[in-house]
């Protein structure tokens, strides 16, 4: 009997500890979880946002790569368009070049301002100039936005941010499970401790 009562006390104490950890972690990381959840939802919808989060991919005139201008020529056009139509001071620093042969189009994605320029692969004609809000949302989601803002050298903030959130999620999973399972176990111990009627 004393052994079961001691187990109940330990179980109740453990439950209080887990509840406190769960509550404190949630309060401390509320803003982080809010940003990650909202940005995650937005990223999930980016292809279905009607161009709000991610510009729609336009179609060029030819899907035959033999008809296309060279990537170097297309890049020269994209840089000129960026300076003429986006900003004369924009840094000509590309994040990536996304060639879409099936659409006859090439996207030039600039680091500064999350700008995207789509060109017809065959003619070099401008198909679209737009902001890639999805890239900004993704940078907020994974914490790399703060590295860009503060100019850190090796994504240190992103690494710290993802470790904190990963460990917090693991903590929430463990403590959440125990907050569900602990009371069941406590009730079971109470039933064992209940005197039998003779």
N, C-alpha and C. Protein backbone atom coordinates (compact mmCIF):
# COMPACT_ATOMS: atom_id res chain seq x y z
N UNK A 1 0.83 -1.21 0.00
CA UNK A 1 0.00 0.00 0.00
C UNK A 1 0.87 1.26 0.00
N UNK A 2 1.88 1.26 0.91
CA UNK A 2 2.77 2.42 0.99
C UNK A 2 3.55 2.59 -0.30
N UNK A 3 3.88 1.44 -0.93
CA UNK A 3 4.64 1.47 -2.19
C UNK A 3 3.80 2.12 -3.30
N UNK A 4 2.51 1.80 -3.36
CA UNK A 4 1.62 2.36 -4.37
C UNK A 4 1.42 3.86 -4.13
N UNK A 5 1.28 4.25 -2.84
CA UNK A 5 1.12 5.68 -2.52
C UNK A 5 2.36 6.46 -2.91
N UNK A 6 3.54 5.86 -2.70
CA UNK A 6 4.80 6.52 -3.09
C UNK A 6 4.87 6.68 -4.61
N UNK A 7 4.44 5.65 -5.33
CA UNK A 7 4.41 5.73 -6.80
C UNK A 7 3.46 6.83 -7.27
N UNK A 8 2.30 6.94 -6.60
CA UNK A 8 1.34 7.99 -6.96
C UNK A 8 1.93 9.37 -6.75
N UNK A 9 2.64 9.55 -5.63
CA UNK A 9 3.27 10.83 -5.34
C UNK A 9 4.31 11.18 -6.41
N UNK A 10 5.13 10.18 -6.74
CA UNK A 10 6.16 10.40 -7.77
C UNK A 10 5.52 10.74 -9.11
N UNK A 11 4.44 10.01 -9.43
CA UNK A 11 3.73 10.24 -10.70
C UNK A 11 3.13 11.65 -10.74
N UNK A 12 2.52 12.08 -9.65
CA UNK A 12 1.92 13.41 -9.58
C UNK A 12 3.00 14.49 -9.68
N UNK A 13 4.15 14.26 -9.03
CA UNK A 13 5.26 15.22 -9.08
C UNK A 13 5.80 15.33 -10.50
N UNK A 14 5.98 14.17 -11.15
CA UNK A 14 6.48 14.15 -12.53
C UNK A 14 5.52 14.87 -13.47
N UNK A 15 4.24 14.67 -13.24
CA UNK A 15 3.20 15.33 -14.05
C UNK A 15 3.28 16.85 -13.90
N UNK A 16 3.50 17.32 -12.67
CA UNK A 16 3.63 18.77 -12.43
C UNK A 16 4.86 19.33 -13.13
N UNK A 17 5.97 18.59 -13.09
CA UNK A 17 7.21 19.02 -13.75
C UNK A 17 7.00 19.13 -15.26
N UNK A 18 6.40 18.10 -15.85
CA UNK A 18 6.16 18.10 -17.30
C UNK A 18 5.19 19.23 -17.70
N UNK A 19 4.19 19.46 -16.87
CA UNK A 19 3.23 20.53 -17.15
C UNK A 19 3.93 21.89 -17.14
N UNK A 20 4.84 22.08 -16.17
CA UNK A 20 5.58 23.33 -16.06
C UNK A 20 6.51 23.53 -17.26
N UNK A 21 7.21 22.46 -17.66
CA UNK A 21 8.11 22.53 -18.83
C UNK A 21 7.29 22.88 -20.07
N UNK A 22 6.17 22.20 -20.24
CA UNK A 22 5.30 22.40 -21.41
C UNK A 22 4.81 23.86 -21.45
N UNK A 23 4.35 24.36 -20.31
CA UNK A 23 3.81 25.72 -20.24
C UNK A 23 4.91 26.76 -20.48
N UNK A 24 6.06 26.57 -19.83
CA UNK A 24 7.17 27.54 -19.95
C UNK A 24 7.71 27.58 -21.38
N UNK A 25 7.90 26.41 -21.97
CA UNK A 25 8.40 26.34 -23.35
C UNK A 25 7.43 27.03 -24.30
N UNK A 26 6.14 26.77 -24.12
CA UNK A 26 5.12 27.38 -24.97
C UNK A 26 5.09 28.89 -24.84
N UNK A 27 5.21 29.39 -23.62
CA UNK A 27 5.18 30.84 -23.40
C UNK A 27 6.43 31.50 -23.97
N UNK A 28 7.59 30.87 -23.75
CA UNK A 28 8.86 31.44 -24.17
C UNK A 28 8.99 31.48 -25.70
N UNK A 29 8.47 30.45 -26.37
CA UNK A 29 8.66 30.34 -27.82
C UNK A 29 7.39 30.65 -28.62
N UNK A 30 6.44 31.32 -27.98
CA UNK A 30 5.17 31.62 -28.65
C UNK A 30 5.36 32.31 -30.00
N UNK A 31 6.17 33.36 -30.04
CA UNK A 31 6.39 34.13 -31.28
C UNK A 31 7.00 33.24 -32.36
N UNK A 32 8.00 32.43 -31.97
CA UNK A 32 8.65 31.54 -32.93
C UNK A 32 7.63 30.57 -33.54
N UNK A 33 6.82 29.96 -32.68
CA UNK A 33 5.83 28.99 -33.17
C UNK A 33 4.79 29.67 -34.05
N UNK A 34 4.42 30.89 -33.69
CA UNK A 34 3.45 31.63 -34.48
C UNK A 34 3.99 31.88 -35.89
N UNK A 35 5.24 32.37 -35.97
CA UNK A 35 5.87 32.66 -37.27
C UNK A 35 6.01 31.38 -38.10
N UNK A 36 6.49 30.31 -37.48
CA UNK A 36 6.70 29.05 -38.20
C UNK A 36 5.38 28.47 -38.70
N UNK A 37 4.34 28.53 -37.88
CA UNK A 37 3.05 27.95 -38.30
C UNK A 37 2.41 28.75 -39.42
N UNK A 38 2.40 30.09 -39.30
CA UNK A 38 1.79 30.92 -40.34
C UNK A 38 2.58 30.82 -41.64
N UNK A 39 3.91 30.92 -41.55
CA UNK A 39 4.73 30.85 -42.77
C UNK A 39 4.65 29.46 -43.39
N UNK A 40 4.54 28.42 -42.57
CA UNK A 40 4.38 27.05 -43.10
C UNK A 40 3.08 26.90 -43.87
N UNK A 41 2.00 27.47 -43.33
CA UNK A 41 0.72 27.45 -44.04
C UNK A 41 0.82 28.17 -45.38
N UNK A 42 1.46 29.34 -45.37
CA UNK A 42 1.62 30.11 -46.60
C UNK A 42 2.43 29.34 -47.64
N UNK A 43 3.50 28.70 -47.19
CA UNK A 43 4.34 27.93 -48.12
C UNK A 43 3.57 26.75 -48.69
N UNK A 44 2.71 26.16 -47.88
CA UNK A 44 1.89 25.05 -48.37
C UNK A 44 0.94 25.48 -49.48
N UNK A 45 0.55 26.76 -49.43
CA UNK A 45 -0.41 27.29 -50.42
C UNK A 45 0.24 28.06 -51.56
N UNK A 46 1.58 28.14 -51.57
CA UNK A 46 2.24 29.04 -52.53
C UNK A 46 1.90 28.74 -53.98
N UNK A 47 1.80 27.46 -54.34
CA UNK A 47 1.48 27.11 -55.74
C UNK A 47 0.01 27.32 -56.07
N UNK A 48 -0.80 27.56 -55.06
CA UNK A 48 -2.24 27.72 -55.26
C UNK A 48 -2.72 29.10 -54.80
N UNK A 49 -1.80 30.08 -54.81
CA UNK A 49 -2.13 31.41 -54.29
C UNK A 49 -2.50 32.41 -55.39
N UNK A 50 -2.61 31.93 -56.60
CA UNK A 50 -2.96 32.83 -57.70
C UNK A 50 -1.91 33.91 -57.94
N UNK A 51 -0.64 33.56 -57.71
CA UNK A 51 0.44 34.51 -57.96
C UNK A 51 0.75 35.44 -56.80
N UNK A 52 0.03 35.33 -55.69
CA UNK A 52 0.27 36.22 -54.55
C UNK A 52 1.60 35.87 -53.87
N UNK A 53 1.83 34.59 -53.59
CA UNK A 53 3.06 34.17 -52.93
C UNK A 53 4.15 33.82 -53.94
N UNK A 54 3.77 33.20 -55.04
CA UNK A 54 4.72 32.75 -56.05
C UNK A 54 4.20 33.16 -57.42
N UNK A 55 5.00 33.93 -58.18
CA UNK A 55 4.53 34.36 -59.51
C UNK A 55 4.22 33.15 -60.40
N UNK A 56 3.16 33.25 -61.17
CA UNK A 56 2.80 32.17 -62.08
C UNK A 56 3.87 32.05 -63.17
N UNK A 57 4.18 30.81 -63.54
CA UNK A 57 5.16 30.57 -64.61
C UNK A 57 4.50 30.83 -65.96
N UNK A 58 5.11 31.73 -66.73
CA UNK A 58 4.59 32.08 -68.06
C UNK A 58 5.12 31.10 -69.11
N UNK A 59 4.55 31.18 -70.29
CA UNK A 59 4.99 30.31 -71.39
C UNK A 59 5.73 31.10 -72.45
N UNK A 60 6.86 30.53 -72.90
CA UNK A 60 7.63 31.13 -73.98
C UNK A 60 7.17 30.59 -75.33
N UNK A 61 7.91 30.94 -76.36
CA UNK A 61 7.48 30.59 -77.72
C UNK A 61 7.96 29.23 -78.18
N UNK A 62 9.02 28.69 -77.56
CA UNK A 62 9.56 27.41 -78.04
C UNK A 62 10.05 26.54 -76.88
N UNK A 63 9.69 25.27 -76.94
CA UNK A 63 10.18 24.31 -75.95
C UNK A 63 11.42 23.57 -76.46
N UNK A 64 11.85 23.89 -77.68
CA UNK A 64 13.02 23.26 -78.28
C UNK A 64 14.26 24.05 -77.86
N UNK A 65 15.13 23.42 -77.08
CA UNK A 65 16.33 24.11 -76.58
C UNK A 65 17.23 24.59 -77.70
N UNK A 66 17.16 23.95 -78.86
CA UNK A 66 17.96 24.37 -80.00
C UNK A 66 17.58 25.77 -80.49
N UNK A 67 16.35 26.17 -80.20
CA UNK A 67 15.89 27.51 -80.60
C UNK A 67 16.26 28.59 -79.60
N UNK A 68 16.72 28.19 -78.44
CA UNK A 68 16.94 29.14 -77.35
C UNK A 68 18.21 29.95 -77.53
N UNK A 69 18.19 31.15 -76.96
CA UNK A 69 19.39 31.95 -76.82
C UNK A 69 20.27 31.30 -75.76
N UNK A 70 21.55 31.65 -75.74
CA UNK A 70 22.43 31.09 -74.70
C UNK A 70 22.03 31.66 -73.34
N UNK A 71 22.35 30.92 -72.30
CA UNK A 71 22.06 31.38 -70.93
C UNK A 71 22.77 32.71 -70.67
N UNK A 72 23.99 32.84 -71.19
CA UNK A 72 24.76 34.07 -71.01
C UNK A 72 24.02 35.26 -71.63
N UNK A 73 23.46 35.05 -72.83
CA UNK A 73 22.71 36.14 -73.50
C UNK A 73 21.45 36.48 -72.72
N UNK A 74 20.77 35.45 -72.24
CA UNK A 74 19.54 35.67 -71.47
C UNK A 74 19.84 36.39 -70.15
N UNK A 75 20.97 36.04 -69.55
CA UNK A 75 21.36 36.69 -68.30
C UNK A 75 21.64 38.17 -68.54
N UNK A 76 22.31 38.49 -69.63
CA UNK A 76 22.59 39.88 -69.97
C UNK A 76 21.28 40.67 -70.11
N UNK A 77 20.29 40.05 -70.76
CA UNK A 77 18.98 40.70 -70.91
C UNK A 77 18.32 40.89 -69.54
N UNK A 78 18.37 39.83 -68.71
CA UNK A 78 17.76 39.90 -67.37
C UNK A 78 18.38 41.00 -66.53
N UNK A 79 19.72 41.14 -66.60
CA UNK A 79 20.41 42.19 -65.83
C UNK A 79 19.98 43.58 -66.32
N UNK A 80 19.85 43.74 -67.62
CA UNK A 80 19.43 45.04 -68.18
C UNK A 80 18.00 45.37 -67.74
N UNK A 81 17.13 44.37 -67.80
CA UNK A 81 15.74 44.56 -67.39
C UNK A 81 15.68 44.91 -65.90
N UNK A 82 16.49 44.24 -65.09
CA UNK A 82 16.51 44.51 -63.65
C UNK A 82 16.90 45.96 -63.39
N UNK A 83 17.92 46.44 -64.07
CA UNK A 83 18.38 47.82 -63.86
C UNK A 83 17.39 48.83 -64.44
N UNK A 84 16.76 48.48 -65.58
CA UNK A 84 15.83 49.41 -66.23
C UNK A 84 14.44 49.44 -65.58
N UNK A 85 13.98 48.26 -65.16
CA UNK A 85 12.58 48.15 -64.73
C UNK A 85 12.38 47.92 -63.23
N UNK A 86 13.41 47.46 -62.54
CA UNK A 86 13.27 47.20 -61.10
C UNK A 86 13.91 48.34 -60.31
N UNK A 87 15.22 48.47 -60.44
CA UNK A 87 15.95 49.55 -59.77
C UNK A 87 17.31 49.70 -60.43
N UNK A 88 17.70 50.95 -60.69
CA UNK A 88 19.01 51.16 -61.32
C UNK A 88 20.14 50.78 -60.37
N UNK A 89 19.83 50.63 -59.08
CA UNK A 89 20.85 50.30 -58.09
C UNK A 89 20.79 48.84 -57.63
N UNK A 90 19.91 48.03 -58.24
CA UNK A 90 19.78 46.64 -57.78
C UNK A 90 21.10 45.89 -57.96
N UNK A 91 21.47 45.10 -56.95
CA UNK A 91 22.68 44.29 -57.04
C UNK A 91 22.43 43.15 -58.03
N UNK A 92 23.31 43.01 -58.98
CA UNK A 92 23.15 41.96 -60.00
C UNK A 92 23.73 40.65 -59.47
N UNK A 93 23.13 40.20 -58.39
CA UNK A 93 23.57 38.99 -57.70
C UNK A 93 22.42 38.00 -57.76
N UNK A 94 22.63 36.94 -58.54
CA UNK A 94 21.56 35.96 -58.72
C UNK A 94 21.55 34.92 -57.62
N UNK A 95 20.35 34.58 -57.18
CA UNK A 95 20.17 33.46 -56.25
C UNK A 95 20.24 32.16 -57.04
N UNK A 96 19.54 32.14 -58.19
CA UNK A 96 19.61 30.99 -59.08
C UNK A 96 18.96 31.32 -60.42
N UNK A 97 19.24 30.45 -61.39
CA UNK A 97 18.61 30.52 -62.70
C UNK A 97 17.79 29.25 -62.85
N UNK A 98 16.51 29.42 -63.12
CA UNK A 98 15.59 28.29 -63.20
C UNK A 98 15.08 28.17 -64.64
N UNK A 99 15.68 27.24 -65.40
CA UNK A 99 15.27 27.03 -66.79
C UNK A 99 14.10 26.05 -66.84
N UNK A 100 13.06 26.41 -67.57
CA UNK A 100 11.88 25.56 -67.71
C UNK A 100 11.67 25.22 -69.20
N UNK A 101 12.40 24.26 -69.74
CA UNK A 101 12.26 23.92 -71.16
C UNK A 101 10.83 23.57 -71.56
N UNK A 102 10.11 22.91 -70.68
CA UNK A 102 8.74 22.50 -71.02
C UNK A 102 7.81 23.71 -71.18
N UNK A 103 8.22 24.85 -70.64
CA UNK A 103 7.42 26.07 -70.76
C UNK A 103 8.08 27.09 -71.69
N UNK A 104 9.27 26.75 -72.20
CA UNK A 104 9.96 27.67 -73.10
C UNK A 104 10.41 28.95 -72.41
N UNK A 105 10.74 28.85 -71.12
CA UNK A 105 10.98 30.05 -70.32
C UNK A 105 12.11 29.83 -69.32
N UNK A 106 12.79 30.95 -68.98
CA UNK A 106 13.85 30.93 -67.98
C UNK A 106 13.54 31.98 -66.92
N UNK A 107 13.71 31.59 -65.63
CA UNK A 107 13.53 32.54 -64.53
C UNK A 107 14.90 32.93 -63.98
N UNK A 108 15.09 34.22 -63.79
CA UNK A 108 16.30 34.73 -63.14
C UNK A 108 15.87 35.28 -61.78
N UNK A 109 16.37 34.65 -60.72
CA UNK A 109 15.97 35.01 -59.36
C UNK A 109 17.10 35.77 -58.68
N UNK A 110 16.81 37.02 -58.33
CA UNK A 110 17.80 37.90 -57.71
C UNK A 110 17.71 37.80 -56.19
N UNK A 111 18.88 37.90 -55.55
CA UNK A 111 18.91 37.86 -54.08
C UNK A 111 18.27 39.10 -53.48
N UNK A 112 18.58 40.24 -54.05
CA UNK A 112 18.07 41.50 -53.50
C UNK A 112 16.61 41.71 -53.87
N UNK A 113 15.80 41.93 -52.85
CA UNK A 113 14.39 42.25 -53.08
C UNK A 113 13.52 41.09 -53.52
N UNK A 114 14.08 39.88 -53.55
CA UNK A 114 13.32 38.69 -53.94
C UNK A 114 12.65 38.87 -55.31
N UNK A 115 13.39 39.47 -56.24
CA UNK A 115 12.85 39.76 -57.57
C UNK A 115 13.06 38.57 -58.50
N UNK A 116 12.05 38.33 -59.33
CA UNK A 116 12.12 37.28 -60.34
C UNK A 116 11.80 37.90 -61.71
N UNK A 117 12.65 37.61 -62.69
CA UNK A 117 12.40 38.03 -64.07
C UNK A 117 12.29 36.78 -64.93
N UNK A 118 11.16 36.65 -65.63
CA UNK A 118 10.96 35.51 -66.54
C UNK A 118 11.16 35.99 -67.97
N UNK A 119 11.99 35.25 -68.71
CA UNK A 119 12.26 35.57 -70.11
C UNK A 119 11.89 34.41 -71.01
N UNK A 120 11.45 34.74 -72.19
CA UNK A 120 11.23 33.74 -73.24
C UNK A 120 12.61 33.19 -73.61
N UNK A 121 12.78 31.88 -73.53
CA UNK A 121 14.08 31.27 -73.81
C UNK A 121 14.55 31.46 -75.24
N UNK A 122 13.64 31.56 -76.17
CA UNK A 122 14.01 31.68 -77.59
C UNK A 122 14.22 33.11 -78.03
N UNK A 123 13.41 34.04 -77.51
CA UNK A 123 13.47 35.42 -78.00
C UNK A 123 14.08 36.40 -77.00
N UNK A 124 14.12 36.01 -75.72
CA UNK A 124 14.61 36.92 -74.69
C UNK A 124 13.58 37.95 -74.26
N UNK A 125 12.37 37.83 -74.79
CA UNK A 125 11.29 38.77 -74.44
C UNK A 125 10.93 38.61 -72.96
N UNK A 126 10.67 39.73 -72.30
CA UNK A 126 10.28 39.70 -70.89
C UNK A 126 8.85 39.17 -70.78
N UNK A 127 8.68 38.11 -70.03
CA UNK A 127 7.36 37.52 -69.81
C UNK A 127 6.75 37.97 -68.49
N UNK A 128 7.63 38.25 -67.52
CA UNK A 128 7.12 38.64 -66.20
C UNK A 128 8.24 39.25 -65.37
N UNK A 129 7.88 40.27 -64.60
CA UNK A 129 8.76 40.83 -63.56
C UNK A 129 7.91 40.84 -62.29
N UNK A 130 8.35 40.12 -61.28
CA UNK A 130 7.52 40.02 -60.07
C UNK A 130 8.38 39.78 -58.85
N UNK A 131 7.76 39.99 -57.70
CA UNK A 131 8.41 39.71 -56.41
C UNK A 131 8.04 38.30 -55.98
N UNK A 132 9.04 37.55 -55.55
CA UNK A 132 8.82 36.19 -55.06
C UNK A 132 8.59 36.23 -53.55
N UNK A 133 7.35 36.50 -53.16
CA UNK A 133 7.02 36.56 -51.74
C UNK A 133 7.28 35.22 -51.05
N UNK A 134 7.17 34.13 -51.81
CA UNK A 134 7.39 32.80 -51.23
C UNK A 134 8.83 32.65 -50.71
N UNK A 135 9.80 33.28 -51.38
CA UNK A 135 11.19 33.20 -50.93
C UNK A 135 11.38 33.95 -49.62
N UNK A 136 10.73 35.10 -49.50
CA UNK A 136 10.77 35.86 -48.25
C UNK A 136 10.12 35.04 -47.12
N UNK A 137 8.97 34.44 -47.42
CA UNK A 137 8.26 33.62 -46.42
C UNK A 137 9.12 32.43 -46.00
N UNK A 138 9.78 31.81 -46.99
CA UNK A 138 10.65 30.67 -46.70
C UNK A 138 11.82 31.08 -45.81
N UNK A 139 12.39 32.25 -46.08
CA UNK A 139 13.50 32.75 -45.26
C UNK A 139 13.05 33.06 -43.83
N UNK A 140 11.82 33.54 -43.67
CA UNK A 140 11.27 33.76 -42.32
C UNK A 140 11.02 32.42 -41.65
N UNK A 141 10.53 31.47 -42.42
CA UNK A 141 10.19 30.15 -41.89
C UNK A 141 11.43 29.42 -41.33
N UNK A 142 12.55 29.49 -42.07
CA UNK A 142 13.73 28.74 -41.63
C UNK A 142 14.76 29.59 -40.88
N UNK A 143 14.46 30.88 -40.66
CA UNK A 143 15.34 31.73 -39.87
C UNK A 143 16.47 32.39 -40.65
N UNK A 144 16.63 32.05 -41.93
CA UNK A 144 17.74 32.62 -42.70
C UNK A 144 17.53 34.10 -43.01
N UNK A 145 16.30 34.59 -42.85
CA UNK A 145 16.02 36.02 -43.04
C UNK A 145 16.91 36.87 -42.14
N UNK A 146 17.10 36.41 -40.90
CA UNK A 146 17.87 37.19 -39.92
C UNK A 146 19.35 37.16 -40.26
N UNK A 147 19.82 36.06 -40.85
CA UNK A 147 21.21 36.02 -41.32
C UNK A 147 21.43 37.04 -42.43
N UNK A 148 20.45 37.13 -43.35
CA UNK A 148 20.55 38.11 -44.45
C UNK A 148 20.51 39.53 -43.90
N UNK A 149 19.61 39.76 -42.97
CA UNK A 149 19.43 41.10 -42.41
C UNK A 149 20.68 41.57 -41.65
N UNK A 150 21.27 40.66 -40.88
CA UNK A 150 22.42 41.02 -40.05
C UNK A 150 23.76 40.72 -40.72
N UNK A 151 23.71 40.10 -41.91
CA UNK A 151 24.94 39.85 -42.68
C UNK A 151 25.88 38.84 -42.04
N UNK A 152 25.35 37.82 -41.39
CA UNK A 152 26.21 36.79 -40.80
C UNK A 152 26.85 35.96 -41.92
N UNK A 153 27.99 35.38 -41.62
CA UNK A 153 28.80 34.75 -42.66
C UNK A 153 28.39 33.34 -43.04
N UNK A 154 27.85 32.57 -42.10
CA UNK A 154 27.64 31.15 -42.38
C UNK A 154 26.31 30.64 -41.82
N UNK A 155 25.26 31.44 -41.93
CA UNK A 155 23.91 31.07 -41.47
C UNK A 155 23.88 30.60 -40.02
N UNK A 156 24.65 31.29 -39.16
CA UNK A 156 24.67 30.91 -37.74
C UNK A 156 23.31 31.08 -37.08
N UNK A 157 22.61 32.17 -37.42
CA UNK A 157 21.30 32.41 -36.80
C UNK A 157 20.31 31.33 -37.22
N UNK A 158 20.33 30.97 -38.50
CA UNK A 158 19.45 29.90 -38.99
C UNK A 158 19.71 28.60 -38.23
N UNK A 159 20.97 28.29 -38.00
CA UNK A 159 21.34 27.07 -37.28
C UNK A 159 20.81 27.08 -35.85
N UNK A 160 21.00 28.21 -35.16
CA UNK A 160 20.51 28.35 -33.78
C UNK A 160 18.98 28.26 -33.76
N UNK A 161 18.36 28.99 -34.67
CA UNK A 161 16.89 29.06 -34.78
C UNK A 161 16.29 27.67 -35.01
N UNK A 162 16.84 26.93 -35.97
CA UNK A 162 16.29 25.60 -36.27
C UNK A 162 16.55 24.62 -35.13
N UNK A 163 17.69 24.76 -34.43
CA UNK A 163 17.96 23.89 -33.28
C UNK A 163 16.99 24.16 -32.15
N UNK A 164 16.75 25.46 -31.87
CA UNK A 164 15.81 25.82 -30.81
C UNK A 164 14.42 25.26 -31.12
N UNK A 165 13.96 25.49 -32.35
CA UNK A 165 12.61 25.03 -32.71
C UNK A 165 12.52 23.52 -32.77
N UNK A 166 13.56 22.86 -33.26
CA UNK A 166 13.56 21.40 -33.31
C UNK A 166 13.52 20.79 -31.92
N UNK A 167 14.36 21.33 -31.02
CA UNK A 167 14.38 20.84 -29.64
C UNK A 167 13.07 21.16 -28.92
N UNK A 168 12.50 22.34 -29.21
CA UNK A 168 11.23 22.72 -28.59
C UNK A 168 10.11 21.78 -29.03
N UNK A 169 10.10 21.44 -30.32
CA UNK A 169 9.08 20.52 -30.82
C UNK A 169 9.22 19.14 -30.17
N UNK A 170 10.48 18.69 -30.02
CA UNK A 170 10.73 17.42 -29.35
C UNK A 170 10.27 17.48 -27.90
N UNK A 171 10.56 18.61 -27.22
CA UNK A 171 10.13 18.80 -25.83
C UNK A 171 8.60 18.78 -25.73
N UNK A 172 7.94 19.49 -26.65
CA UNK A 172 6.47 19.51 -26.68
C UNK A 172 5.90 18.12 -26.91
N UNK A 173 6.53 17.35 -27.78
CA UNK A 173 6.05 16.00 -28.08
C UNK A 173 6.14 15.12 -26.83
N UNK A 174 7.29 15.16 -26.16
CA UNK A 174 7.49 14.32 -24.97
C UNK A 174 6.59 14.77 -23.83
N UNK A 175 6.59 16.07 -23.53
CA UNK A 175 5.78 16.55 -22.40
C UNK A 175 4.29 16.43 -22.72
N UNK A 176 3.92 16.68 -23.97
CA UNK A 176 2.51 16.55 -24.37
C UNK A 176 2.02 15.12 -24.22
N UNK A 177 2.89 14.18 -24.63
CA UNK A 177 2.52 12.77 -24.47
C UNK A 177 2.34 12.44 -22.99
N UNK A 178 3.28 12.93 -22.16
CA UNK A 178 3.20 12.61 -20.74
C UNK A 178 1.99 13.28 -20.08
N UNK A 179 1.62 14.47 -20.53
CA UNK A 179 0.43 15.14 -19.99
C UNK A 179 -0.85 14.39 -20.35
N UNK A 180 -0.79 13.63 -21.45
CA UNK A 180 -1.94 12.78 -21.83
C UNK A 180 -1.87 11.44 -21.10
N UNK A 181 -0.66 10.83 -21.07
CA UNK A 181 -0.51 9.48 -20.51
C UNK A 181 -0.44 9.48 -18.99
N UNK A 182 0.21 10.52 -18.41
CA UNK A 182 0.42 10.58 -16.95
C UNK A 182 -0.86 10.46 -16.14
N UNK A 183 -1.92 11.25 -16.45
CA UNK A 183 -3.16 11.14 -15.68
C UNK A 183 -3.80 9.75 -15.78
N UNK A 184 -3.67 9.10 -16.94
CA UNK A 184 -4.21 7.75 -17.08
C UNK A 184 -3.50 6.79 -16.13
N UNK A 185 -2.16 6.96 -16.07
CA UNK A 185 -1.38 6.10 -15.19
C UNK A 185 -1.71 6.38 -13.72
N UNK A 186 -1.91 7.67 -13.41
CA UNK A 186 -2.25 8.07 -12.05
C UNK A 186 -3.60 7.48 -11.64
N UNK A 187 -4.57 7.51 -12.55
CA UNK A 187 -5.89 6.92 -12.26
C UNK A 187 -5.77 5.41 -12.02
N UNK A 188 -4.90 4.79 -12.81
CA UNK A 188 -4.70 3.34 -12.65
C UNK A 188 -4.13 3.04 -11.27
N UNK A 189 -3.17 3.86 -10.82
CA UNK A 189 -2.58 3.66 -9.50
C UNK A 189 -3.62 3.91 -8.39
N UNK A 190 -4.52 4.87 -8.62
CA UNK A 190 -5.58 5.15 -7.64
C UNK A 190 -6.51 3.95 -7.51
N UNK A 191 -6.83 3.35 -8.67
CA UNK A 191 -7.72 2.18 -8.65
C UNK A 191 -7.09 1.02 -7.88
N UNK A 192 -5.76 0.85 -8.06
CA UNK A 192 -5.04 -0.22 -7.34
C UNK A 192 -5.01 0.05 -5.85
N UNK A 193 -5.02 1.34 -5.48
CA UNK A 193 -4.91 1.74 -4.08
C UNK A 193 -6.26 1.72 -3.36
N UNK A 194 -7.36 1.62 -4.16
CA UNK A 194 -8.69 1.65 -3.57
C UNK A 194 -8.93 0.36 -2.75
N UNK A 195 -9.38 0.48 -1.52
CA UNK A 195 -9.59 -0.73 -0.71
C UNK A 195 -10.67 -1.61 -1.31
N UNK A 196 -10.44 -2.90 -1.26
CA UNK A 196 -11.42 -3.85 -1.80
C UNK A 196 -12.54 -4.04 -0.79
N UNK A 197 -13.75 -4.17 -1.27
CA UNK A 197 -14.89 -4.36 -0.38
C UNK A 197 -15.08 -5.85 -0.15
N UNK A 198 -15.14 -6.24 1.11
CA UNK A 198 -15.25 -7.67 1.44
C UNK A 198 -16.61 -8.01 1.96
